[in-house]
Amino acid sequence: MYSQSIGVDSSESAIIESDHLNETEEDVNDDYDRLSEEQESVREILSSVSDISSASHPVSFALDGIG
């Protein structure tokens, strides 16, 4: 993986390393995937007890462009 500097404005202090951005994006995607798996697990558990409980799954929001 090569590193490239990205200027977000004319200030030298505003340079962001692309490697850092790529790593952060990977971390966010990994966390989102784990959250999606947990959400599915909660849905399955609640579905399995729907005959004895009126609990419903928590509301979640999809993030466009993630995952």
C-alpha atoms as a PDB file:
ATOM      1  CA  MET A   1       0.000   0.000   0.000  1.00  0.00           C
ATOM      2  CA  TYR A   2       1.511   3.319  -0.959  1.00  0.00           C
ATOM      3  CA  SER A   3       1.052   6.581   0.857  1.00  0.00           C
ATOM      4  CA  GLN A   4      -0.262   9.700  -0.801  1.00  0.00           C
ATOM      5  CA  SER A   5      -0.856  13.071   0.798  1.00  0.00           C
ATOM      6  CA  ILE A   6      -4.222  14.663   0.211  1.00  0.00           C
ATOM      7  CA  GLY A   7      -4.602  18.410   0.685  1.00  0.00           C
ATOM      8  CA  VAL A   8      -8.040  19.310   1.978  1.00  0.00           C
ATOM      9  CA  ASP A   9      -7.320  23.032   1.920  1.00  0.00           C
ATOM     10  CA  SER A  10      -4.350  25.298   1.254  1.00  0.00           C
ATOM     11  CA  SER A  11      -2.907  24.920   4.761  1.00  0.00           C
ATOM     12  CA  GLU A  12       0.072  22.602   5.237  1.00  0.00           C
ATOM     13  CA  SER A  13      -1.469  21.425   8.527  1.00  0.00           C
ATOM     14  CA  ALA A  14      -4.496  20.089   6.651  1.00  0.00           C
ATOM     15  CA  ILE A  15      -2.644  17.276   4.854  1.00  0.00           C
ATOM     16  CA  ILE A  16      -4.087  13.830   5.545  1.00  0.00           C
ATOM     17  CA  GLU A  17      -2.236  10.640   4.701  1.00  0.00           C
ATOM     18  CA  SER A  18      -4.307   8.423   2.402  1.00  0.00           C
ATOM     19  CA  ASP A  19      -3.095   5.319   4.271  1.00  0.00           C
ATOM     20  CA  HIS A  20      -4.716   6.675   7.434  1.00  0.00           C
ATOM     21  CA  LEU A  21      -7.961   7.337   5.563  1.00  0.00           C
ATOM     22  CA  ASN A  22      -7.940   3.837   4.065  1.00  0.00           C
ATOM     23  CA  GLU A  23      -7.279   2.216   7.448  1.00  0.00           C
ATOM     24  CA  THR A  24     -10.031   4.264   9.066  1.00  0.00           C
ATOM     25  CA  GLU A  25     -12.459   3.276   6.311  1.00  0.00           C
ATOM     26  CA  GLU A  26     -11.588  -0.403   6.823  1.00  0.00           C
ATOM     27  CA  ASP A  27     -12.112  -0.057  10.587  1.00  0.00           C
ATOM     28  CA  VAL A  28     -15.512   1.582  10.083  1.00  0.00           C
ATOM     29  CA  ASN A  29     -16.555  -1.111   7.607  1.00  0.00           C
ATOM     30  CA  ASP A  30     -15.439  -3.876   9.996  1.00  0.00           C
ATOM     31  CA  ASP A  31     -17.392  -2.303  12.868  1.00  0.00           C
ATOM     32  CA  TYR A  32     -20.454  -1.908  10.638  1.00  0.00           C
ATOM     33  CA  ASP A  33     -20.254  -5.572   9.596  1.00  0.00           C
ATOM     34  CA  ARG A  34     -20.046  -6.694  13.243  1.00  0.00           C
ATOM     35  CA  LEU A  35     -22.982  -4.461  14.140  1.00  0.00           C
ATOM     36  CA  SER A  36     -25.026  -5.911  11.270  1.00  0.00           C
ATOM     37  CA  GLU A  37     -24.263  -9.440  12.470  1.00  0.00           C
ATOM     38  CA  GLU A  38     -25.329  -8.560  16.023  1.00  0.00           C
ATOM     39  CA  GLN A  39     -28.496  -6.959  14.704  1.00  0.00           C
ATOM     40  CA  GLU A  40     -29.374 -10.128  12.811  1.00  0.00           C
ATOM     41  CA  SER A  41     -28.678 -12.196  15.930  1.00  0.00           C
ATOM     42  CA  VAL A  42     -31.052 -10.015  17.981  1.00  0.00           C
ATOM     43  CA  ARG A  43     -33.739 -10.378  15.316  1.00  0.00           C
ATOM     44  CA  GLU A  44     -33.368 -14.162  15.337  1.00  0.00           C
ATOM     45  CA  ILE A  45     -33.552 -14.356  19.134  1.00  0.00           C
ATOM     46  CA  LEU A  46     -36.626 -12.141  19.306  1.00  0.00           C
ATOM     47  CA  SER A  47     -38.253 -14.140  16.530  1.00  0.00           C
ATOM     48  CA  SER A  48     -37.595 -17.367  18.437  1.00  0.00           C
ATOM     49  CA  VAL A  49     -39.447 -16.076  21.499  1.00  0.00           C
ATOM     50  CA  SER A  50     -42.239 -14.234  19.703  1.00  0.00           C
ATOM     51  CA  ASP A  51     -44.783 -16.775  20.955  1.00  0.00           C
ATOM     52  CA  ILE A  52     -44.051 -15.850  24.593  1.00  0.00           C
ATOM     53  CA  SER A  53     -42.941 -12.212  24.290  1.00  0.00           C
ATOM     54  CA  SER A  54     -44.211  -9.076  22.593  1.00  0.00           C
ATOM     55  CA  ALA A  55     -40.717  -7.601  22.353  1.00  0.00           C
ATOM     56  CA  SER A  56     -39.802  -6.116  19.012  1.00  0.00           C
ATOM     57  CA  HIS A  57     -36.416  -5.557  17.465  1.00  0.00           C
ATOM     58  CA  PRO A  58     -34.735  -2.180  17.956  1.00  0.00           C
ATOM     59  CA  VAL A  59     -34.992   0.379  15.185  1.00  0.00           C
ATOM     60  CA  SER A  60     -31.834   0.681  13.106  1.00  0.00           C
ATOM     61  CA  PHE A  61     -30.782   2.884  10.270  1.00  0.00           C
ATOM     62  CA  ALA A  62     -28.928   1.844   7.140  1.00  0.00           C
ATOM     63  CA  LEU A  63     -25.852   3.821   6.190  1.00  0.00           C
ATOM     64  CA  ASP A  64     -25.708   4.362   2.442  1.00  0.00           C
ATOM     65  CA  GLY A  65     -22.408   3.378   0.880  1.00  0.00           C
ATOM     66  CA  ILE A  66     -21.244   1.290   3.842  1.00  0.00           C
ATOM     67  CA  GLY A  67     -20.555  -2.391   3.811  1.00  0.00           C
END
